[in-house]
Amino acid sequence: MEIAIKVLQTEISNRKVLISRENLMFKDRKKATELLKEISKLKQALKVVKDHHQRKGAYDLD
């Protein structure tokens, strides 16, 4: 589970770097918007995975 969390965090970071490195907010708004949508989806997936991991950990203690 920790691996999935790390992979999602890395993907989010990679897309943020891509936007800033290529200065996409000024050069290519359409591509930047697509990347921001991807980041949003990845953040949502990360939240779901973390929530699931926390719940699973709570049940494992019982």
Protein backbone atom coordinates (compact mmCIF):
# COMPACT_ATOMS: atom_id res chain seq x y z
CA MET A 1 0.00 0.00 0.00
CA GLU A 2 2.87 2.36 0.80
CA ILE A 3 4.23 1.78 -2.69
CA ALA A 4 0.96 2.89 -4.29
CA ILE A 5 0.99 6.04 -2.18
CA LYS A 6 4.59 6.81 -3.15
CA VAL A 7 3.89 6.22 -6.86
CA LEU A 8 0.91 8.59 -6.81
CA GLN A 9 2.91 11.25 -4.97
CA THR A 10 5.72 10.91 -7.52
CA GLU A 11 3.33 11.23 -10.46
CA ILE A 12 1.79 14.37 -8.96
CA SER A 13 5.25 15.84 -8.44
CA ASN A 14 6.36 14.95 -11.98
CA ARG A 15 3.39 16.71 -13.54
CA LYS A 16 3.91 19.82 -11.41
CA VAL A 17 7.55 19.94 -12.48
CA LEU A 18 6.56 19.53 -16.13
CA ILE A 19 4.19 22.48 -15.91
CA SER A 20 6.78 24.74 -14.29
CA ARG A 21 9.79 23.57 -16.30
CA GLU A 22 8.13 24.16 -19.65
CA ASN A 23 6.36 27.29 -18.41
CA LEU A 24 3.12 25.85 -19.78
CA MET A 25 0.83 28.29 -18.01
CA PHE A 26 2.01 30.94 -20.46
CA LYS A 27 3.03 28.91 -23.51
CA ASP A 28 0.31 26.28 -23.83
CA ARG A 29 -2.74 26.82 -21.65
CA LYS A 30 -4.60 23.83 -23.09
CA LYS A 31 -1.84 21.37 -22.22
CA ALA A 32 -1.39 23.00 -18.80
CA THR A 33 -5.11 22.65 -18.12
CA GLU A 34 -4.99 18.96 -19.06
CA LEU A 35 -2.04 18.40 -16.73
CA LEU A 36 -3.82 20.24 -13.90
CA LYS A 37 -6.85 17.99 -14.39
CA GLU A 38 -4.57 14.94 -14.25
CA ILE A 39 -3.00 16.27 -11.06
CA SER A 40 -6.45 16.71 -9.56
CA LYS A 41 -7.42 13.14 -10.42
CA LEU A 42 -4.14 11.81 -9.00
CA LYS A 43 -4.66 13.75 -5.78
CA GLN A 44 -8.15 12.30 -5.47
CA ALA A 45 -6.80 8.79 -6.04
CA LEU A 46 -4.08 9.43 -3.46
CA LYS A 47 -6.67 10.51 -0.92
CA VAL A 48 -8.75 7.38 -1.54
CA VAL A 49 -5.70 5.12 -1.19
CA LYS A 50 -4.59 6.85 2.02
CA ASP A 51 -8.09 6.65 3.51
CA HIS A 52 -8.33 2.97 2.63
CA HIS A 53 -4.88 2.34 4.09
CA GLN A 54 -5.82 4.09 7.35
CA ARG A 55 -9.07 2.14 7.66
CA LYS A 56 -7.32 -1.12 6.92
CA GLY A 57 -4.72 -0.32 9.61
CA ALA A 58 -7.48 0.40 12.13
CA TYR A 59 -9.10 -2.97 11.48
CA ASP A 60 -5.80 -4.81 11.67
CA LEU A 61 -5.33 -3.66 15.26
CA ASP A 62 -8.52 -5.35 16.47
